[in-house]
C-alpha cells in the first residue's frame, strides 16, 4: 500500500507523529508537506494529496488540519475522491467499508495522537465491503459526474 499524506500548519505536528507510525508499520508514503508550523493555506497542500490519490499514484490519502473540516472539503472537490472526516476509529473504518473512502481527514486541534493513530490504522486496514454499498457509491460517482458536466 502507498499512502499520500499532507497537512497545513495546524496539522504539522500530528502529521509528523503519523509519519513515524507509518514508518514503524513499514507503509510506504509520500509527505506532501507542509514542512513547518508556519501558516499556509490548506488548499495548497491538500489538493495535491487528493489529486495524487485520484490519479491512482497512491492507494489512500491522509489530510490533516486544525479541525479537519476544511481539509475534507478540499479533498472532496477533487473528482474521484471520497474523503471521510474521522474523529474516531469507528467512523474511519466505516468510511472505508461502506463508502469506499480513499482519503481520511483528521483535525489536529480536536483529535489527540492516540485517537488519530487508531483512526489511521482502522482506515488503512479496512476494505470496501461491496455488496449493497456498491450501488450507493455508484450513485455518488454519478452525482459527481453530473455536477462536473454542468
N, C-alpha and C. Protein backbone atom coordinates (compact mmCIF):
# COMPACT_ATOMS: atom_id res chain seq x y z
N UNK A 1 0.85 -1.18 0.00
CA UNK A 1 0.00 0.00 0.00
C UNK A 1 0.89 1.24 0.00
N UNK A 2 0.46 2.22 -0.79
CA UNK A 2 1.16 3.51 -0.83
C UNK A 2 0.19 4.59 -0.36
N UNK A 3 0.69 5.48 0.51
CA UNK A 3 -0.14 6.50 1.14
C UNK A 3 0.42 7.88 0.84
N UNK A 4 -0.48 8.81 0.50
CA UNK A 4 -0.13 10.22 0.37
C UNK A 4 -0.61 10.92 1.64
N UNK A 5 0.22 11.78 2.21
CA UNK A 5 -0.13 12.47 3.44
C UNK A 5 0.25 13.94 3.33
N UNK A 6 -0.60 14.81 3.87
CA UNK A 6 -0.30 16.24 3.85
C UNK A 6 -1.09 16.96 4.92
N UNK A 7 -0.56 18.10 5.32
CA UNK A 7 -1.21 18.88 6.36
C UNK A 7 -0.95 20.36 6.16
N UNK A 8 -1.80 21.16 6.78
CA UNK A 8 -1.49 22.56 6.90
C UNK A 8 -0.64 22.73 8.16
N UNK A 9 -0.39 23.97 8.53
CA UNK A 9 0.45 24.26 9.69
C UNK A 9 -0.14 23.71 10.98
N UNK A 10 -1.46 23.75 11.12
CA UNK A 10 -2.09 23.27 12.35
C UNK A 10 -1.96 21.76 12.49
N UNK A 11 -1.86 21.05 11.40
CA UNK A 11 -1.74 19.60 11.43
C UNK A 11 -0.31 19.10 11.36
N UNK A 12 0.66 20.02 11.29
CA UNK A 12 2.05 19.63 11.08
C UNK A 12 2.57 18.66 12.15
N UNK A 13 2.36 18.95 13.42
CA UNK A 13 2.87 18.08 14.49
C UNK A 13 2.20 16.71 14.43
N UNK A 14 0.90 16.67 14.20
CA UNK A 14 0.21 15.38 14.10
C UNK A 14 0.69 14.61 12.88
N UNK A 15 0.92 15.31 11.78
CA UNK A 15 1.44 14.64 10.57
C UNK A 15 2.78 13.99 10.86
N UNK A 16 3.63 14.70 11.60
CA UNK A 16 4.94 14.16 11.95
C UNK A 16 4.80 12.87 12.75
N UNK A 17 3.88 12.86 13.70
CA UNK A 17 3.64 11.66 14.50
C UNK A 17 3.09 10.52 13.64
N UNK A 18 2.17 10.83 12.74
CA UNK A 18 1.59 9.80 11.88
C UNK A 18 2.62 9.25 10.89
N UNK A 19 3.52 10.09 10.42
CA UNK A 19 4.59 9.61 9.54
C UNK A 19 5.49 8.62 10.29
N UNK A 20 5.78 8.92 11.56
CA UNK A 20 6.56 7.96 12.36
C UNK A 20 5.82 6.64 12.48
N UNK A 21 4.51 6.70 12.69
CA UNK A 21 3.72 5.47 12.79
C UNK A 21 3.78 4.70 11.47
N UNK A 22 3.62 5.40 10.35
CA UNK A 22 3.69 4.73 9.04
C UNK A 22 5.06 4.08 8.84
N UNK A 23 6.13 4.78 9.26
CA UNK A 23 7.47 4.19 9.20
C UNK A 23 7.53 2.91 10.02
N UNK A 24 7.02 2.96 11.25
CA UNK A 24 7.04 1.79 12.13
C UNK A 24 6.25 0.63 11.55
N UNK A 25 5.18 0.92 10.82
CA UNK A 25 4.35 -0.12 10.21
C UNK A 25 4.90 -0.60 8.87
N UNK A 26 5.94 0.07 8.37
CA UNK A 26 6.53 -0.30 7.09
C UNK A 26 5.66 0.07 5.90
N UNK A 27 4.84 1.10 6.05
CA UNK A 27 3.95 1.54 4.98
C UNK A 27 4.63 2.66 4.19
N UNK A 28 4.71 2.48 2.88
CA UNK A 28 5.33 3.48 2.01
C UNK A 28 4.41 4.69 1.91
N UNK A 29 4.97 5.88 2.00
CA UNK A 29 4.18 7.10 1.90
C UNK A 29 5.01 8.23 1.31
N UNK A 30 4.29 9.23 0.85
CA UNK A 30 4.92 10.49 0.42
C UNK A 30 4.31 11.60 1.24
N UNK A 31 5.16 12.41 1.83
CA UNK A 31 4.74 13.57 2.61
C UNK A 31 4.68 14.76 1.66
N UNK A 32 3.49 15.27 1.43
CA UNK A 32 3.28 16.39 0.53
C UNK A 32 3.44 17.74 1.25
N UNK A 33 3.86 17.72 2.51
CA UNK A 33 4.04 18.96 3.25
C UNK A 33 2.81 19.26 4.08
N UNK A 34 2.83 20.33 4.72
CA UNK A 34 3.81 21.37 4.85
C UNK A 34 4.96 20.87 5.72
N UNK A 35 6.06 21.61 5.69
CA UNK A 35 7.26 21.17 6.36
C UNK A 35 7.58 21.95 7.62
N UNK A 36 6.63 22.73 8.10
CA UNK A 36 6.85 23.51 9.33
C UNK A 36 5.51 23.98 9.86
N UNK A 37 5.52 24.53 11.08
CA UNK A 37 4.28 25.08 11.62
C UNK A 37 3.98 26.51 11.16
N UNK A 38 4.71 27.00 10.17
CA UNK A 38 4.45 28.33 9.62
C UNK A 38 3.14 28.31 8.84
N UNK A 39 2.29 29.31 9.01
CA UNK A 39 0.97 29.30 8.35
C UNK A 39 1.03 29.14 6.83
N UNK A 40 0.16 28.29 6.33
CA UNK A 40 -0.04 28.08 4.90
C UNK A 40 -1.54 28.02 4.64
N UNK A 41 -1.94 28.14 3.41
CA UNK A 41 -3.33 27.97 3.03
C UNK A 41 -3.55 26.48 2.72
N UNK A 42 -4.39 25.85 3.51
CA UNK A 42 -4.53 24.38 3.42
C UNK A 42 -4.91 23.87 2.04
N UNK A 43 -5.68 24.58 1.21
CA UNK A 43 -5.96 24.01 -0.12
C UNK A 43 -4.68 23.77 -0.94
N UNK A 44 -3.65 24.58 -0.70
CA UNK A 44 -2.41 24.44 -1.47
C UNK A 44 -1.68 23.13 -1.17
N UNK A 45 -1.91 22.57 0.00
CA UNK A 45 -1.25 21.32 0.39
C UNK A 45 -2.19 20.12 0.22
N UNK A 46 -3.46 20.31 0.51
CA UNK A 46 -4.40 19.20 0.50
C UNK A 46 -4.77 18.78 -0.92
N UNK A 47 -4.97 19.72 -1.82
CA UNK A 47 -5.35 19.38 -3.20
C UNK A 47 -4.32 18.46 -3.87
N UNK A 48 -3.02 18.71 -3.74
CA UNK A 48 -2.06 17.77 -4.37
C UNK A 48 -2.14 16.35 -3.81
N UNK A 49 -2.42 16.21 -2.51
CA UNK A 49 -2.60 14.87 -1.94
C UNK A 49 -3.80 14.20 -2.62
N UNK A 50 -4.93 14.88 -2.65
CA UNK A 50 -6.14 14.31 -3.24
C UNK A 50 -5.96 14.01 -4.72
N UNK A 51 -5.30 14.90 -5.45
CA UNK A 51 -5.08 14.64 -6.88
C UNK A 51 -4.21 13.41 -7.10
N UNK A 52 -3.20 13.23 -6.27
CA UNK A 52 -2.32 12.07 -6.41
C UNK A 52 -3.08 10.77 -6.15
N UNK A 53 -3.99 10.79 -5.17
CA UNK A 53 -4.81 9.60 -4.90
C UNK A 53 -5.78 9.39 -6.06
N UNK A 54 -6.42 10.45 -6.53
CA UNK A 54 -7.38 10.33 -7.63
C UNK A 54 -6.73 9.80 -8.90
N UNK A 55 -5.46 10.15 -9.13
CA UNK A 55 -4.75 9.66 -10.31
C UNK A 55 -4.28 8.21 -10.16
N UNK A 56 -4.42 7.66 -8.95
CA UNK A 56 -4.01 6.28 -8.72
C UNK A 56 -2.55 6.12 -8.35
N UNK A 57 -1.86 7.23 -8.10
CA UNK A 57 -0.45 7.15 -7.70
C UNK A 57 -0.30 6.62 -6.28
N UNK A 58 -1.34 6.80 -5.48
CA UNK A 58 -1.37 6.34 -4.09
C UNK A 58 -2.69 5.66 -3.85
N UNK A 59 -2.67 4.66 -2.97
CA UNK A 59 -3.89 3.90 -2.67
C UNK A 59 -4.82 4.66 -1.73
N UNK A 60 -4.25 5.38 -0.80
CA UNK A 60 -5.03 6.12 0.20
C UNK A 60 -4.34 7.44 0.49
N UNK A 61 -5.13 8.37 1.04
CA UNK A 61 -4.60 9.67 1.43
C UNK A 61 -5.00 10.01 2.85
N UNK A 62 -4.14 10.78 3.50
CA UNK A 62 -4.39 11.28 4.85
C UNK A 62 -4.16 12.78 4.81
N UNK A 63 -5.18 13.56 5.19
CA UNK A 63 -5.06 15.01 5.21
C UNK A 63 -5.40 15.52 6.61
N UNK A 64 -4.61 16.49 7.05
CA UNK A 64 -4.69 16.96 8.43
C UNK A 64 -4.71 18.48 8.48
N UNK A 65 -5.47 18.99 9.42
CA UNK A 65 -5.52 20.42 9.66
C UNK A 65 -5.98 20.67 11.08
N UNK A 66 -6.39 21.88 11.37
CA UNK A 66 -6.85 22.20 12.71
C UNK A 66 -8.08 21.41 13.10
N UNK A 67 -9.13 21.50 12.31
CA UNK A 67 -10.36 20.76 12.60
C UNK A 67 -10.53 19.56 11.68
N UNK A 68 -9.88 19.56 10.54
CA UNK A 68 -10.05 18.52 9.53
C UNK A 68 -11.20 18.82 8.57
N UNK A 69 -12.03 19.77 8.92
CA UNK A 69 -13.22 20.06 8.11
C UNK A 69 -12.85 20.67 6.76
N UNK A 70 -12.06 21.72 6.77
CA UNK A 70 -11.65 22.35 5.52
C UNK A 70 -10.89 21.39 4.63
N UNK A 71 -10.07 20.56 5.26
CA UNK A 71 -9.28 19.59 4.51
C UNK A 71 -10.18 18.57 3.83
N UNK A 72 -11.22 18.11 4.53
CA UNK A 72 -12.18 17.18 3.92
C UNK A 72 -12.91 17.84 2.76
N UNK A 73 -13.29 19.09 2.94
CA UNK A 73 -13.99 19.81 1.87
C UNK A 73 -13.12 19.92 0.64
N UNK A 74 -11.87 20.32 0.82
CA UNK A 74 -10.95 20.45 -0.32
C UNK A 74 -10.76 19.10 -1.01
N UNK A 75 -10.46 18.07 -0.23
CA UNK A 75 -10.23 16.75 -0.84
C UNK A 75 -11.44 16.30 -1.64
N UNK A 76 -12.64 16.53 -1.11
CA UNK A 76 -13.85 16.09 -1.79
C UNK A 76 -14.19 16.91 -3.03
N UNK A 77 -13.51 18.00 -3.27
CA UNK A 77 -13.69 18.76 -4.51
C UNK A 77 -12.98 18.11 -5.68
N UNK A 78 -12.06 17.18 -5.39
CA UNK A 78 -11.30 16.51 -6.45
C UNK A 78 -12.09 15.29 -6.92
N UNK A 79 -12.36 15.24 -8.22
CA UNK A 79 -13.15 14.15 -8.79
C UNK A 79 -12.48 12.81 -8.47
N UNK A 80 -13.28 11.88 -7.98
CA UNK A 80 -12.79 10.55 -7.66
C UNK A 80 -12.39 10.38 -6.20
N UNK A 81 -12.45 11.44 -5.45
CA UNK A 81 -12.11 11.36 -4.03
C UNK A 81 -13.37 11.24 -3.20
N UNK A 82 -13.30 10.33 -2.25
CA UNK A 82 -14.33 10.18 -1.23
C UNK A 82 -13.60 10.27 0.10
N UNK A 83 -13.62 11.46 0.67
CA UNK A 83 -12.88 11.73 1.90
C UNK A 83 -13.83 11.70 3.09
N UNK A 84 -13.47 10.93 4.09
CA UNK A 84 -14.24 10.86 5.33
C UNK A 84 -13.54 11.69 6.40
N UNK A 85 -14.31 12.52 7.07
CA UNK A 85 -13.80 13.32 8.19
C UNK A 85 -13.98 12.48 9.44
N UNK A 86 -12.89 11.93 9.96
CA UNK A 86 -12.99 10.96 11.05
C UNK A 86 -12.42 11.52 12.35
N UNK A 87 -13.25 11.53 13.37
CA UNK A 87 -12.82 11.94 14.71
C UNK A 87 -12.67 10.73 15.62
N UNK A 88 -13.04 9.54 15.10
CA UNK A 88 -12.85 8.33 15.89
C UNK A 88 -12.63 7.15 14.94
N UNK A 89 -12.06 6.07 15.46
CA UNK A 89 -11.72 4.93 14.61
C UNK A 89 -12.91 4.24 13.95
N UNK A 90 -14.07 4.26 14.59
CA UNK A 90 -15.25 3.62 14.00
C UNK A 90 -15.65 4.33 12.71
N UNK A 91 -15.67 5.65 12.74
CA UNK A 91 -16.01 6.42 11.54
C UNK A 91 -14.97 6.16 10.45
N UNK A 92 -13.71 6.10 10.82
CA UNK A 92 -12.65 5.83 9.84
C UNK A 92 -12.86 4.48 9.17
N UNK A 93 -13.16 3.46 9.96
CA UNK A 93 -13.38 2.11 9.42
C UNK A 93 -14.63 2.05 8.55
N UNK A 94 -15.73 2.63 9.05
CA UNK A 94 -16.97 2.58 8.27
C UNK A 94 -16.87 3.39 6.98
N UNK A 95 -16.09 4.46 7.00
CA UNK A 95 -15.87 5.23 5.78
C UNK A 95 -15.26 4.38 4.68
N UNK A 96 -14.35 3.49 5.05
CA UNK A 96 -13.77 2.56 4.08
C UNK A 96 -14.76 1.47 3.71
N UNK A 97 -15.34 0.83 4.72
CA UNK A 97 -16.17 -0.34 4.48
C UNK A 97 -17.46 -0.01 3.72
N UNK A 98 -18.07 1.11 4.02
CA UNK A 98 -19.38 1.43 3.45
C UNK A 98 -19.33 2.45 2.31
N UNK A 99 -18.35 3.34 2.35
CA UNK A 99 -18.31 4.43 1.36
C UNK A 99 -17.12 4.34 0.40
N UNK A 100 -16.29 3.33 0.57
CA UNK A 100 -15.09 3.17 -0.24
C UNK A 100 -14.24 4.45 -0.20
N UNK A 101 -14.19 5.08 0.99
CA UNK A 101 -13.39 6.29 1.16
C UNK A 101 -11.93 6.01 0.82
N UNK A 102 -11.32 6.93 0.10
CA UNK A 102 -9.91 6.77 -0.24
C UNK A 102 -9.02 7.83 0.40
N UNK A 103 -9.63 8.76 1.12
CA UNK A 103 -8.89 9.78 1.87
C UNK A 103 -9.57 9.94 3.22
N UNK A 104 -8.76 10.17 4.24
CA UNK A 104 -9.25 10.45 5.58
C UNK A 104 -8.77 11.83 6.01
N UNK A 105 -9.65 12.59 6.63
CA UNK A 105 -9.29 13.90 7.18
C UNK A 105 -9.41 13.84 8.70
N UNK A 106 -8.41 14.39 9.37
CA UNK A 106 -8.39 14.39 10.83
C UNK A 106 -8.00 15.79 11.31
N UNK A 107 -8.66 16.26 12.35
CA UNK A 107 -8.38 17.56 12.94
C UNK A 107 -7.40 17.44 14.09
N UNK A 108 -6.26 18.08 13.96
CA UNK A 108 -5.22 18.01 14.99
C UNK A 108 -5.59 18.76 16.26
N UNK A 109 -6.44 19.76 16.15
CA UNK A 109 -6.83 20.52 17.33
C UNK A 109 -7.96 19.86 18.11
N UNK A 110 -8.57 18.83 17.52
CA UNK A 110 -9.72 18.18 18.17
C UNK A 110 -9.53 16.67 18.36
N UNK A 111 -8.40 16.14 17.91
CA UNK A 111 -8.13 14.70 17.99
C UNK A 111 -6.73 14.49 18.52
N UNK A 112 -6.59 13.74 19.60
CA UNK A 112 -5.24 13.51 20.13
C UNK A 112 -4.50 12.47 19.29
N UNK A 113 -3.21 12.36 19.52
CA UNK A 113 -2.36 11.50 18.70
C UNK A 113 -2.81 10.04 18.75
N UNK A 114 -3.14 9.55 19.93
CA UNK A 114 -3.53 8.15 20.06
C UNK A 114 -4.79 7.85 19.25
N UNK A 115 -5.78 8.72 19.33
CA UNK A 115 -7.01 8.52 18.57
C UNK A 115 -6.73 8.64 17.07
N UNK A 116 -5.93 9.62 16.69
CA UNK A 116 -5.58 9.79 15.28
C UNK A 116 -4.87 8.56 14.74
N UNK A 117 -3.94 8.01 15.50
CA UNK A 117 -3.25 6.80 15.08
C UNK A 117 -4.23 5.64 14.91
N UNK A 118 -5.17 5.52 15.85
CA UNK A 118 -6.17 4.46 15.74
C UNK A 118 -7.05 4.66 14.52
N UNK A 119 -7.40 5.91 14.23
CA UNK A 119 -8.20 6.21 13.03
C UNK A 119 -7.46 5.77 11.77
N UNK A 120 -6.18 6.13 11.69
CA UNK A 120 -5.40 5.79 10.50
C UNK A 120 -5.24 4.29 10.37
N UNK A 121 -4.96 3.60 11.47
CA UNK A 121 -4.84 2.13 11.39
C UNK A 121 -6.13 1.49 10.89
N UNK A 122 -7.27 1.91 11.44
CA UNK A 122 -8.56 1.36 11.00
C UNK A 122 -8.80 1.66 9.53
N UNK A 123 -8.51 2.89 9.12
CA UNK A 123 -8.71 3.32 7.73
C UNK A 123 -7.84 2.51 6.78
N UNK A 124 -6.60 2.28 7.14
CA UNK A 124 -5.69 1.55 6.26
C UNK A 124 -5.97 0.05 6.26
N UNK A 125 -6.44 -0.49 7.36
CA UNK A 125 -6.71 -1.93 7.45
C UNK A 125 -8.04 -2.34 6.84
N UNK A 126 -9.00 -1.44 6.85
CA UNK A 126 -10.35 -1.78 6.38
C UNK A 126 -10.39 -1.88 4.86
N UNK A 127 -11.32 -2.68 4.39
CA UNK A 127 -11.55 -2.82 2.95
C UNK A 127 -13.01 -2.51 2.65
N UNK A 128 -13.26 -2.05 1.45
CA UNK A 128 -14.62 -1.79 0.99
C UNK A 128 -15.40 -3.09 1.00
N UNK A 129 -16.58 -3.10 1.61
CA UNK A 129 -17.38 -4.32 1.73
C UNK A 129 -18.10 -4.70 0.45
N UNK A 130 -18.30 -3.73 -0.45
CA UNK A 130 -19.04 -4.05 -1.66
C UNK A 130 -20.50 -4.29 -1.33
N UNK A 131 -21.09 -5.29 -1.96
CA UNK A 131 -22.49 -5.62 -1.69
C UNK A 131 -23.41 -4.45 -1.92
N UNK A 132 -24.30 -4.22 -0.94
CA UNK A 132 -25.29 -3.15 -1.07
C UNK A 132 -24.65 -1.77 -1.20
N UNK A 133 -23.39 -1.64 -0.78
CA UNK A 133 -22.72 -0.35 -0.82
C UNK A 133 -22.25 0.04 -2.22
N UNK A 134 -22.08 -0.93 -3.10
CA UNK A 134 -21.64 -0.66 -4.47
C UNK A 134 -22.62 0.29 -5.16
N UNK A 135 -23.90 0.00 -5.02
CA UNK A 135 -24.93 0.83 -5.65
C UNK A 135 -24.86 2.27 -5.13
N UNK A 136 -24.64 2.42 -3.85
CA UNK A 136 -24.60 3.76 -3.25
C UNK A 136 -23.36 4.54 -3.70
N UNK A 137 -22.23 3.88 -3.73
CA UNK A 137 -21.01 4.55 -4.19
C UNK A 137 -21.14 4.91 -5.66
N UNK A 138 -21.78 4.07 -6.45
CA UNK A 138 -22.02 4.37 -7.86
C UNK A 138 -22.91 5.61 -8.01
N UNK A 139 -23.89 5.75 -7.13
CA UNK A 139 -24.75 6.94 -7.17
C UNK A 139 -23.96 8.20 -6.82
N UNK A 140 -23.03 8.09 -5.89
CA UNK A 140 -22.16 9.23 -5.56
C UNK A 140 -21.33 9.61 -6.79
N UNK A 141 -20.75 8.61 -7.45
CA UNK A 141 -19.94 8.87 -8.65
C UNK A 141 -20.79 9.49 -9.75
N UNK A 142 -22.02 9.05 -9.89
CA UNK A 142 -22.91 9.62 -10.91
C UNK A 142 -23.23 11.09 -10.60
N UNK A 143 -23.46 11.40 -9.35
CA UNK A 143 -23.69 12.79 -8.97
C UNK A 143 -22.47 13.65 -9.26
N UNK A 144 -21.30 13.11 -8.97
CA UNK A 144 -20.05 13.82 -9.22
C UNK A 144 -19.88 14.11 -10.72
N UNK A 145 -20.14 13.10 -11.53
CA UNK A 145 -20.02 13.26 -12.98
C UNK A 145 -21.05 14.24 -13.51
N UNK A 146 -22.26 14.19 -13.00
CA UNK A 146 -23.32 15.11 -13.42
C UNK A 146 -22.93 16.56 -13.09
N UNK A 147 -22.42 16.77 -11.90
CA UNK A 147 -22.02 18.12 -11.49
C UNK A 147 -20.82 18.61 -12.31
N UNK A 148 -19.92 17.71 -12.65
CA UNK A 148 -18.75 18.09 -13.44
C UNK A 148 -19.15 18.52 -14.84
N UNK A 149 -20.27 17.98 -15.35
CA UNK A 149 -20.75 18.31 -16.69
C UNK A 149 -21.53 19.60 -16.77
N UNK A 150 -21.80 20.21 -15.63
CA UNK A 150 -22.59 21.46 -15.64
C UNK A 150 -21.74 22.65 -15.93
